[in-house]
Amino acid sequence: MQVEILALCDAANDYQGRLCMLGAFDIIQARTFPATHPHCAIALRLRFTLIENGKHAVRLHFVNDDGQLILPPLEAQLEIACSEQIGSASTNLILGVQSLPLEKPGDYAINLAVDGRQVASIPLFVRSVTG
């Protein structure tokens, strides 16, 4: 299994197997804390090989700089069916996030696990804005 795309963005859509993302970002700024980011999405594209056909569990954890979960885990199940002619298959997954709680400024992370094994992580920098 290969992670082709893991991005935090404003919005995403799967259009006939094409992953369409709008506004990928890695920083959120707020004037006061605790803060809440109203809406965002995780856009994910995974590639599986023929030997990996079958069901797969996907889990995303949003964690703060202390490693504590800031949301319940986001979970999804995938059913992969690669054709022998191509030998691999990609799949897109979009998970919407409503009311992302940000208790304090810091370096957060979004961790991706597939079948119980962490395979990727992206940062989310939360900063205080003055003025």
C-alpha atoms as a PDB file:
ATOM      1  CA  MET A   1       0.000   0.000   0.000  1.00  0.00           C
ATOM      2  CA  GLN A   2       1.263   3.445  -0.911  1.00  0.00           C
ATOM      3  CA  VAL A   3      -0.050   6.823   0.247  1.00  0.00           C
ATOM      4  CA  GLU A   4      -0.210   8.984  -2.873  1.00  0.00           C
ATOM      5  CA  ILE A   5      -1.998  11.963  -1.289  1.00  0.00           C
ATOM      6  CA  LEU A   6      -2.764  12.960   2.296  1.00  0.00           C
ATOM      7  CA  ALA A   7      -3.863  16.582   2.562  1.00  0.00           C
ATOM      8  CA  LEU A   8      -5.852  18.845   4.825  1.00  0.00           C
ATOM      9  CA  CYS A   9      -7.956  21.170   2.687  1.00  0.00           C
ATOM     10  CA  ASP A  10     -10.993  23.431   2.652  1.00  0.00           C
ATOM     11  CA  ALA A  11     -13.038  20.978   0.589  1.00  0.00           C
ATOM     12  CA  ALA A  12     -12.636  17.885  -1.562  1.00  0.00           C
ATOM     13  CA  ASN A  13     -14.678  15.771  -3.939  1.00  0.00           C
ATOM     14  CA  ASP A  14     -14.289  12.494  -5.794  1.00  0.00           C
ATOM     15  CA  TYR A  15     -15.400  12.969  -9.377  1.00  0.00           C
ATOM     16  CA  GLN A  16     -15.409   9.648 -11.259  1.00  0.00           C
ATOM     17  CA  GLY A  17     -12.205   8.522  -9.561  1.00  0.00           C
ATOM     18  CA  ARG A  18     -10.549  11.925  -9.791  1.00  0.00           C
ATOM     19  CA  LEU A  19      -9.675  13.511  -6.464  1.00  0.00           C
ATOM     20  CA  CYS A  20     -10.511  17.216  -6.569  1.00  0.00           C
ATOM     21  CA  MET A  21      -9.144  19.354  -3.717  1.00  0.00           C
ATOM     22  CA  LEU A  22      -9.711  23.005  -2.895  1.00  0.00           C
ATOM     23  CA  GLY A  23      -7.411  25.013  -0.667  1.00  0.00           C
ATOM     24  CA  ALA A  24      -4.848  22.610   0.812  1.00  0.00           C
ATOM     25  CA  PHE A  25      -3.286  24.107   3.943  1.00  0.00           C
ATOM     26  CA  ASP A  26      -1.121  23.307   6.954  1.00  0.00           C
ATOM     27  CA  ILE A  27      -1.565  26.370   9.168  1.00  0.00           C
ATOM     28  CA  ILE A  28      -4.525  27.780  11.085  1.00  0.00           C
ATOM     29  CA  GLN A  29      -4.304  31.146  12.816  1.00  0.00           C
ATOM     30  CA  ALA A  30      -6.635  32.407  15.529  1.00  0.00           C
ATOM     31  CA  ARG A  31      -6.835  35.552  17.639  1.00  0.00           C
ATOM     32  CA  THR A  32      -8.082  33.806  20.777  1.00  0.00           C
ATOM     33  CA  PHE A  33      -7.933  30.303  22.214  1.00  0.00           C
ATOM     34  CA  PRO A  34      -9.588  27.930  22.569  1.00  0.00           C
ATOM     35  CA  ALA A  35     -10.606  28.259  18.917  1.00  0.00           C
ATOM     36  CA  THR A  36     -12.693  26.200  16.525  1.00  0.00           C
ATOM     37  CA  HIS A  37     -12.029  25.757  12.812  1.00  0.00           C
ATOM     38  CA  PRO A  38     -15.532  25.474  11.338  1.00  0.00           C
ATOM     39  CA  HIS A  39     -15.004  23.079   8.420  1.00  0.00           C
ATOM     40  CA  CYS A  40     -12.232  21.294   6.571  1.00  0.00           C
ATOM     41  CA  ALA A  41     -11.651  17.962   4.856  1.00  0.00           C
ATOM     42  CA  ILE A  42      -9.008  15.273   4.689  1.00  0.00           C
ATOM     43  CA  ALA A  43      -8.315  14.194   1.122  1.00  0.00           C
ATOM     44  CA  LEU A  44      -6.663  10.826   0.819  1.00  0.00           C
ATOM     45  CA  ARG A  45      -5.552   8.755  -2.168  1.00  0.00           C
ATOM     46  CA  LEU A  46      -4.157   5.282  -1.551  1.00  0.00           C
ATOM     47  CA  ARG A  47      -2.737   2.758  -4.011  1.00  0.00           C
ATOM     48  CA  PHE A  48      -2.954  -0.969  -3.378  1.00  0.00           C
ATOM     49  CA  THR A  49      -1.349  -3.851  -5.258  1.00  0.00           C
ATOM     50  CA  LEU A  50      -2.947  -7.100  -6.352  1.00  0.00           C
ATOM     51  CA  ILE A  51      -1.764  -8.995  -3.273  1.00  0.00           C
ATOM     52  CA  GLU A  52      -3.599  -6.439  -1.073  1.00  0.00           C
ATOM     53  CA  ASN A  53      -7.073  -7.106  -2.529  1.00  0.00           C
ATOM     54  CA  GLY A  54      -9.779  -7.197   0.106  1.00  0.00           C
ATOM     55  CA  LYS A  55     -10.990  -5.108   3.023  1.00  0.00           C
ATOM     56  CA  HIS A  56      -8.857  -2.473   4.700  1.00  0.00           C
ATOM     57  CA  ALA A  57      -9.484  -0.316   7.772  1.00  0.00           C
ATOM     58  CA  VAL A  58      -8.454   3.349   7.622  1.00  0.00           C
ATOM     59  CA  ARG A  59      -8.120   5.492  10.734  1.00  0.00           C
ATOM     60  CA  LEU A  60      -7.108   9.136  11.130  1.00  0.00           C
ATOM     61  CA  HIS A  61      -6.089  10.731  14.418  1.00  0.00           C
ATOM     62  CA  PHE A  62      -5.900  14.490  14.968  1.00  0.00           C
ATOM     63  CA  VAL A  63      -3.465  15.032  17.835  1.00  0.00           C
ATOM     64  CA  ASN A  64      -2.066  18.060  19.646  1.00  0.00           C
ATOM     65  CA  ASP A  65       1.611  18.655  20.396  1.00  0.00           C
ATOM     66  CA  ASP A  66       1.260  16.469  23.516  1.00  0.00           C
ATOM     67  CA  GLY A  67       0.056  13.550  21.374  1.00  0.00           C
ATOM     68  CA  GLN A  68      -3.476  13.752  22.787  1.00  0.00           C
ATOM     69  CA  LEU A  69      -6.485  13.196  20.512  1.00  0.00           C
ATOM     70  CA  ILE A  70      -8.421  16.389  19.847  1.00  0.00           C
ATOM     71  CA  LEU A  71     -11.235  14.569  18.005  1.00  0.00           C
ATOM     72  CA  PRO A  72     -12.544  11.041  18.075  1.00  0.00           C
ATOM     73  CA  PRO A  73     -10.731   8.969  15.433  1.00  0.00           C
ATOM     74  CA  LEU A  74     -12.091   9.249  11.892  1.00  0.00           C
ATOM     75  CA  GLU A  75     -12.591   5.756  10.508  1.00  0.00           C
ATOM     76  CA  ALA A  76     -13.513   4.196   7.185  1.00  0.00           C
ATOM     77  CA  GLN A  77     -13.550   0.767   5.573  1.00  0.00           C
ATOM     78  CA  LEU A  78     -12.272   0.181   2.042  1.00  0.00           C
ATOM     79  CA  GLU A  79     -12.874  -2.751  -0.300  1.00  0.00           C
ATOM     80  CA  ILE A  80     -10.031  -3.060  -2.814  1.00  0.00           C
ATOM     81  CA  ALA A  81     -10.293  -5.086  -6.020  1.00  0.00           C
ATOM     82  CA  CYS A  82      -7.270  -4.734  -8.303  1.00  0.00           C
ATOM     83  CA  SER A  83      -7.470  -6.148 -11.791  1.00  0.00           C
ATOM     84  CA  GLU A  84      -4.760  -8.596 -12.795  1.00  0.00           C
ATOM     85  CA  GLN A  85      -4.208  -6.649 -16.012  1.00  0.00           C
ATOM     86  CA  ILE A  86      -3.230  -3.451 -14.207  1.00  0.00           C
ATOM     87  CA  GLY A  87      -1.815  -4.953 -11.009  1.00  0.00           C
ATOM     88  CA  SER A  88      -2.780  -2.059  -8.738  1.00  0.00           C
ATOM     89  CA  ALA A  89      -5.757   0.098  -7.852  1.00  0.00           C
ATOM     90  CA  SER A  90      -6.067   3.532  -6.338  1.00  0.00           C
ATOM     91  CA  THR A  91      -8.910   4.700  -4.176  1.00  0.00           C
ATOM     92  CA  ASN A  92      -9.905   8.144  -2.965  1.00  0.00           C
ATOM     93  CA  LEU A  93     -11.289   8.843   0.475  1.00  0.00           C
ATOM     94  CA  ILE A  94     -12.637  12.174   1.683  1.00  0.00           C
ATOM     95  CA  LEU A  95     -13.456  12.734   5.329  1.00  0.00           C
ATOM     96  CA  GLY A  96     -15.196  15.936   6.362  1.00  0.00           C
ATOM     97  CA  VAL A  97     -14.297  17.538   9.667  1.00  0.00           C
ATOM     98  CA  GLN A  98     -16.750  19.851  11.401  1.00  0.00           C
ATOM     99  CA  SER A  99     -15.832  22.116  14.332  1.00  0.00           C
ATOM    100  CA  LEU A 100     -12.154  21.202  14.722  1.00  0.00           C
ATOM    101  CA  PRO A 101     -11.291  22.155  18.345  1.00  0.00           C
ATOM    102  CA  LEU A 102      -7.977  23.917  18.886  1.00  0.00           C
ATOM    103  CA  GLU A 103      -7.304  24.432  22.583  1.00  0.00           C
ATOM    104  CA  LYS A 104      -4.007  26.296  22.208  1.00  0.00           C
ATOM    105  CA  PRO A 105      -1.339  27.282  19.682  1.00  0.00           C
ATOM    106  CA  GLY A 106       1.104  24.515  18.841  1.00  0.00           C
ATOM    107  CA  ASP A 107       2.255  21.894  16.391  1.00  0.00           C
ATOM    108  CA  TYR A 108      -0.569  19.449  15.776  1.00  0.00           C
ATOM    109  CA  ALA A 109      -0.525  16.387  13.511  1.00  0.00           C
ATOM    110  CA  ILE A 110      -2.873  14.254  11.468  1.00  0.00           C
ATOM    111  CA  ASN A 111      -1.789  10.618  11.629  1.00  0.00           C
ATOM    112  CA  LEU A 112      -2.970   7.999   9.140  1.00  0.00           C
ATOM    113  CA  ALA A 113      -3.145   4.287   9.950  1.00  0.00           C
ATOM    114  CA  VAL A 114      -4.177   1.540   7.548  1.00  0.00           C
ATOM    115  CA  ASP A 115      -4.982  -1.871   8.995  1.00  0.00           C
ATOM    116  CA  GLY A 116      -3.686  -0.770  12.401  1.00  0.00           C
ATOM    117  CA  ARG A 117      -0.274   0.428  11.171  1.00  0.00           C
ATOM    118  CA  GLN A 118       0.676   4.104  10.957  1.00  0.00           C
ATOM    119  CA  VAL A 119       1.670   4.841   7.355  1.00  0.00           C
ATOM    120  CA  ALA A 120       1.763   8.651   7.143  1.00  0.00           C
ATOM    121  CA  SER A 121       1.521  11.871   9.124  1.00  0.00           C
ATOM    122  CA  ILE A 122       1.104  15.517   8.154  1.00  0.00           C
ATOM    123  CA  PRO A 123       1.599  18.595  10.336  1.00  0.00           C
ATOM    124  CA  LEU A 124      -0.955  21.222  11.277  1.00  0.00           C
ATOM    125  CA  PHE A 125       0.594  24.395  12.660  1.00  0.00           C
ATOM    126  CA  VAL A 126      -1.758  26.366  14.918  1.00  0.00           C
ATOM    127  CA  ARG A 127      -0.633  29.896  15.608  1.00  0.00           C
ATOM    128  CA  SER A 128      -1.826  32.932  17.534  1.00  0.00           C
ATOM    129  CA  VAL A 129      -2.401  36.132  15.593  1.00  0.00           C
ATOM    130  CA  THR A 130      -2.084  39.477  17.316  1.00  0.00           C
ATOM    131  CA  GLY A 131      -3.491  42.801  16.254  1.00  0.00           C
END
